[in-house]
Amino acid sequence: MADTLSFLLQQAAEILRRARRGVALTGAGISTPSGIPDFRSQNSGLWHRHDPMEVASLTAFRHHPEQFYAWTRPLLQHILQAQPNPAHRALVSLERAGHLQGVITQNIDGLHQKAGAQQVVEVHGSLSTATCTHCYHTYPAADFLPALLAEGTVPRCPACGGVLKPDIILFGEALPWQAWEAAERLVAECDLLLVAGSSLAVMPVARLPVEAARRGAAVIVVNQTPTYMDERADVVLRGDVADLLPRLAALVLQEEGRA
């Protein structure tokens, strides 16, 4: 098994070394080593314990924002306290070496940016801002997060009193079009798509690896569990991204004399 993994890591490193327009696509699995729970893991994922349509849908938010904030408050604590792990830092090292042109992420935790990534496309939105559901003014999240975390206070618009909604994508809500266009453009131009920590179970993001492969790009999948893309990927690395991505980056950079 160790020999097989070493061989696959070498294969993936060679593909990365050749890449000039590589792109990473990341999901919740890249942030779980930082202490942020994921949503879909069997027995431990958040959706195993909560019905997403009751706590994290746009309809639920509109009718019961206090219920949404009561549910999300502990998760926000985890996210705001989290720090980048070796997987995030490995992607930054590959970006700085010129092998990755950007990161497309399904995560809302901002850990790629904290790690130093320069080009991050957040297709499921960001916790950095919130928008009023009544007058649509947008505010920095720092304006209301302290009161929410300390007292559970539902944030309201200073201008009109409407409920503020974090600029993250809830169930039943369209993806932010500018981010989605940027993601599609990166995939259309890439020569490598590195999928890291994503089960590829959520559309429309899940179709991006197929689009990359159809256009002739190499695809590498690094994930704990199987994905639908495994049989079409050039290399599949099964395991913890916080272990495998640093090993992969080290192989690439050592060969180039950068490590």
Protein backbone atom coordinates (compact mmCIF):
# COMPACT_ATOMS: atom_id res chain seq x y z
CA MET A 1 0.00 0.00 0.00
CA ALA A 2 2.80 2.44 0.91
CA ASP A 3 4.59 1.68 -2.35
CA THR A 4 1.38 2.24 -4.30
CA LEU A 5 0.76 5.58 -2.60
CA SER A 6 4.35 6.69 -3.25
CA PHE A 7 3.97 5.81 -6.92
CA LEU A 8 0.69 7.75 -7.16
CA LEU A 9 2.22 10.74 -5.41
CA GLN A 10 5.09 10.73 -7.90
CA GLN A 11 2.62 10.55 -10.78
CA ALA A 12 0.61 13.46 -9.40
CA ALA A 13 3.80 15.48 -8.78
CA GLU A 14 4.89 15.02 -12.38
CA ILE A 15 1.51 16.28 -13.63
CA LEU A 16 1.74 19.28 -11.31
CA ARG A 17 5.28 20.08 -12.43
CA ARG A 18 4.09 20.26 -16.02
CA ALA A 19 1.05 22.39 -15.18
CA ARG A 20 1.17 26.06 -16.09
CA ARG A 21 -2.49 26.90 -15.59
CA GLY A 22 -3.43 24.64 -12.71
CA VAL A 23 -6.53 25.26 -10.59
CA ALA A 24 -7.52 23.75 -7.24
CA LEU A 25 -11.13 22.91 -6.39
CA THR A 26 -11.66 22.48 -2.65
CA GLY A 27 -14.50 21.35 -0.42
CA ALA A 28 -15.23 20.87 3.26
CA GLY A 29 -12.66 18.07 3.60
CA ILE A 30 -9.79 20.54 3.36
CA SER A 31 -11.05 22.41 6.42
CA THR A 32 -12.03 19.55 8.73
CA PRO A 33 -8.38 19.20 9.89
CA SER A 34 -8.72 22.82 11.07
CA GLY A 35 -11.60 21.81 13.33
CA ILE A 36 -14.50 22.87 11.12
CA PRO A 37 -17.17 20.15 10.87
CA ASP A 38 -18.24 19.11 7.40
CA PHE A 39 -21.79 18.66 6.23
CA ARG A 40 -22.11 15.29 4.52
CA SER A 41 -19.89 12.74 6.25
CA GLN A 42 -21.85 9.72 7.36
CA ASN A 43 -22.64 9.78 11.11
CA SER A 44 -20.58 12.92 11.78
CA GLY A 45 -21.67 15.46 9.14
CA LEU A 46 -23.93 18.35 10.12
CA TRP A 47 -26.68 17.14 7.79
CA HIS A 48 -26.68 13.79 9.60
CA ARG A 49 -27.90 15.64 12.72
CA HIS A 50 -29.95 18.48 11.20
CA ASP A 51 -32.37 18.79 8.30
CA PRO A 52 -30.75 21.41 6.05
CA MET A 53 -34.13 22.54 4.72
CA GLU A 54 -35.21 23.42 8.26
CA VAL A 55 -32.11 25.30 9.37
CA ALA A 56 -30.14 26.34 6.28
CA SER A 57 -32.57 27.02 3.44
CA LEU A 58 -33.49 30.45 2.13
CA THR A 59 -37.15 29.79 2.94
CA ALA A 60 -36.33 28.83 6.53
CA PHE A 61 -34.19 31.92 6.94
CA ARG A 62 -36.92 34.23 5.67
CA HIS A 63 -39.53 32.78 8.03
CA HIS A 64 -37.37 32.02 11.07
CA PRO A 65 -34.06 33.92 11.02
CA GLU A 66 -33.69 33.47 14.77
CA GLN A 67 -33.71 29.69 14.29
CA PHE A 68 -31.02 29.96 11.61
CA TYR A 69 -28.79 32.09 13.82
CA ALA A 70 -29.30 29.81 16.83
CA TRP A 71 -28.17 26.86 14.70
CA THR A 72 -25.28 28.61 13.00
CA ARG A 73 -23.87 30.37 16.09
CA PRO A 74 -21.73 27.40 17.30
CA LEU A 75 -20.55 26.78 13.72
CA LEU A 76 -19.49 30.41 13.42
CA GLN A 77 -17.47 30.02 16.62
CA HIS A 78 -15.59 27.09 15.04
CA ILE A 79 -15.01 28.96 11.78
CA LEU A 80 -13.78 32.19 13.32
CA GLN A 81 -11.36 30.38 15.64
CA ALA A 82 -10.02 28.07 12.93
CA GLN A 83 -6.56 28.45 11.44
CA PRO A 84 -5.22 27.18 8.10
CA ASN A 85 -3.81 23.66 8.18
CA PRO A 86 -0.97 22.10 6.15
CA ALA A 87 -3.31 21.41 3.22
CA HIS A 88 -4.14 25.10 2.82
CA ARG A 89 -0.48 26.03 3.09
CA ALA A 90 0.52 23.38 0.53
CA LEU A 91 -1.80 24.91 -2.04
CA VAL A 92 -0.30 28.35 -1.34
CA SER A 93 3.19 26.98 -1.95
CA LEU A 94 2.05 25.54 -5.29
CA GLU A 95 0.44 28.85 -6.22
CA ARG A 96 3.62 30.77 -5.39
CA ALA A 97 5.64 28.33 -7.48
CA GLY A 98 3.40 29.05 -10.47
CA HIS A 99 1.65 25.68 -10.70
CA LEU A 100 -1.76 26.92 -9.51
CA GLN A 101 -3.43 29.99 -10.94
CA GLY A 102 -6.24 30.01 -8.43
CA VAL A 103 -8.48 28.17 -5.98
CA ILE A 104 -12.18 27.57 -6.45
CA THR A 105 -13.67 26.75 -3.07
CA GLN A 106 -17.03 25.59 -1.81
CA ASN A 107 -16.03 26.68 1.69
CA ILE A 108 -17.10 29.87 3.43
CA ASP A 109 -14.40 29.89 6.12
CA GLY A 110 -11.80 32.13 4.45
CA LEU A 111 -8.95 29.78 5.40
CA HIS A 112 -7.39 29.85 1.94
CA GLN A 113 -7.03 33.62 2.23
CA LYS A 114 -5.71 33.33 5.80
CA ALA A 115 -3.06 30.92 4.51
CA GLY A 116 -1.95 33.46 1.91
CA ALA A 117 -3.74 32.38 -1.28
CA GLN A 118 -4.00 35.28 -3.73
CA GLN A 119 -6.70 34.10 -6.15
CA VAL A 120 -9.68 32.54 -4.38
CA VAL A 121 -13.14 32.16 -5.91
CA GLU A 122 -15.80 31.51 -3.26
CA VAL A 123 -18.66 29.91 -5.17
CA HIS A 124 -20.79 29.38 -2.06
CA GLY A 125 -20.31 32.91 -0.77
CA SER A 126 -18.44 34.41 2.15
CA LEU A 127 -18.95 35.19 5.81
CA SER A 128 -17.07 38.46 5.48
CA THR A 129 -20.20 40.48 4.65
CA ALA A 130 -23.95 40.46 5.27
CA THR A 131 -26.82 42.03 3.32
CA CYS A 132 -30.11 43.43 4.56
CA THR A 133 -33.07 41.35 3.40
CA HIS A 134 -35.21 44.51 3.20
CA CYS A 135 -33.15 47.39 1.78
CA TYR A 136 -30.22 45.31 0.45
CA HIS A 137 -27.47 47.39 2.02
CA THR A 138 -24.32 45.36 2.64
CA TYR A 139 -22.23 45.58 5.80
CA PRO A 140 -18.97 44.03 7.06
CA ALA A 141 -19.69 40.98 9.17
CA ALA A 142 -17.41 42.40 11.87
CA ASP A 143 -20.16 44.96 12.58
CA PHE A 144 -22.56 42.34 13.95
CA LEU A 145 -20.64 39.12 14.69
CA PRO A 146 -19.49 40.09 18.22
CA ALA A 147 -23.06 40.63 19.43
CA LEU A 148 -24.29 37.50 17.68
CA LEU A 149 -21.57 35.32 19.17
CA ALA A 150 -21.76 36.83 22.66
CA GLU A 151 -25.52 37.12 23.07
CA GLY A 152 -27.16 35.36 20.13
CA THR A 153 -28.56 38.67 18.89
CA VAL A 154 -30.17 38.46 15.44
CA PRO A 155 -28.31 41.12 13.39
CA ARG A 156 -30.39 43.93 11.97
CA CYS A 157 -29.75 46.65 9.43
CA PRO A 158 -28.72 49.97 11.00
CA ALA A 159 -30.54 51.81 8.20
CA CYS A 160 -33.96 50.15 8.14
CA GLY A 161 -34.06 47.49 10.85
CA GLY A 162 -34.36 44.58 8.43
CA VAL A 163 -32.72 41.26 9.22
CA LEU A 164 -29.16 40.90 7.93
CA LYS A 165 -28.32 37.70 6.06
CA PRO A 166 -24.71 36.52 5.78
CA ASP A 167 -23.57 36.52 2.16
CA ILE A 168 -23.38 32.74 2.03
CA ILE A 169 -25.44 30.52 -0.22
CA LEU A 170 -28.33 28.73 1.47
CA PHE A 171 -30.38 25.86 0.05
CA GLY A 172 -32.75 27.18 -2.58
CA GLU A 173 -30.51 30.13 -3.43
CA ALA A 174 -28.60 30.74 -6.67
CA LEU A 175 -24.82 30.89 -6.66
CA PRO A 176 -23.28 34.37 -6.87
CA TRP A 177 -23.04 34.89 -10.61
CA GLN A 178 -19.73 36.77 -10.61
CA ALA A 179 -18.02 34.02 -8.61
CA TRP A 180 -19.56 31.31 -10.76
CA GLU A 181 -18.44 33.01 -13.98
CA ALA A 182 -14.92 33.33 -12.55
CA ALA A 183 -14.91 29.64 -11.62
CA GLU A 184 -16.08 28.56 -15.06
CA ARG A 185 -13.44 30.76 -16.68
CA LEU A 186 -10.65 29.28 -14.57
CA VAL A 187 -11.78 25.75 -15.43
CA ALA A 188 -12.12 26.56 -19.13
CA GLU A 189 -8.52 27.81 -19.25
CA CYS A 190 -6.84 25.30 -16.91
CA ASP A 191 -4.49 22.49 -17.89
CA LEU A 192 -4.89 20.79 -14.50
CA LEU A 193 -7.72 20.60 -11.97
CA LEU A 194 -6.67 19.47 -8.49
CA VAL A 195 -9.75 18.39 -6.52
CA ALA A 196 -8.99 18.44 -2.80
CA GLY A 197 -11.33 17.53 0.03
CA SER A 198 -14.55 17.53 -1.97
CA SER A 199 -17.02 14.67 -2.30
CA LEU A 200 -18.22 16.27 -5.57
CA ALA A 201 -21.79 15.73 -4.43
CA VAL A 202 -23.16 19.27 -4.80
CA MET A 203 -24.20 20.72 -8.13
CA PRO A 204 -23.33 22.73 -10.11
CA VAL A 205 -19.78 22.69 -8.69
CA ALA A 206 -19.64 18.90 -9.06
CA ARG A 207 -19.65 19.16 -12.85
CA LEU A 208 -16.52 21.32 -13.03
CA PRO A 209 -14.07 18.35 -13.07
CA VAL A 210 -15.97 16.82 -15.99
CA GLU A 211 -15.75 20.12 -17.85
CA ALA A 212 -12.01 20.31 -17.18
CA ALA A 213 -11.43 16.75 -18.40
CA ARG A 214 -13.61 17.33 -21.48
CA ARG A 215 -11.40 20.28 -22.43
CA GLY A 216 -8.26 18.15 -22.11
CA ALA A 217 -7.06 19.15 -18.63
CA ALA A 218 -5.55 16.59 -16.27
CA VAL A 219 -7.56 15.86 -13.12
CA ILE A 220 -6.09 14.84 -9.76
CA VAL A 221 -8.48 13.88 -6.91
CA VAL A 222 -7.31 13.96 -3.29
CA ASN A 223 -10.07 12.90 -0.90
CA GLN A 224 -10.84 10.60 2.01
CA THR A 225 -13.78 8.91 0.28
CA PRO A 226 -14.57 7.95 -3.33
CA THR A 227 -16.04 10.47 -5.76
CA TYR A 228 -17.87 9.98 -9.05
CA MET A 229 -14.81 11.43 -10.81
CA ASP A 230 -12.34 8.79 -9.63
CA GLU A 231 -12.71 6.58 -12.69
CA ARG A 232 -12.00 9.51 -15.02
CA ALA A 233 -9.23 11.17 -12.99
CA ASP A 234 -5.58 10.86 -14.03
CA VAL A 235 -4.54 10.21 -10.41
CA VAL A 236 -6.61 9.49 -7.29
CA LEU A 237 -5.00 9.91 -3.86
CA ARG A 238 -7.13 8.48 -1.08
CA GLY A 239 -6.48 9.86 2.38
CA ASP A 240 -6.25 12.94 4.58
CA VAL A 241 -5.60 16.07 2.52
CA ALA A 242 -3.63 17.59 5.41
CA ASP A 243 -1.15 14.73 4.97
CA LEU A 244 -1.23 14.14 1.22
CA LEU A 245 -1.21 17.69 -0.14
CA PRO A 246 1.96 18.73 1.77
CA ARG A 247 3.68 15.54 0.60
CA LEU A 248 2.62 16.22 -2.96
CA ALA A 249 3.76 19.86 -2.85
CA ALA A 250 7.09 18.83 -1.32
CA LEU A 251 7.75 16.40 -4.18
CA VAL A 252 7.01 19.10 -6.76
CA LEU A 253 9.11 21.78 -5.10
CA GLN A 254 12.03 19.51 -4.19
CA GLU A 255 12.39 18.46 -7.82
CA GLU A 256 12.50 22.14 -8.77
CA GLY A 257 14.92 23.04 -5.99
CA ARG A 258 12.39 25.30 -4.26
CA ALA A 259 11.79 23.30 -1.08
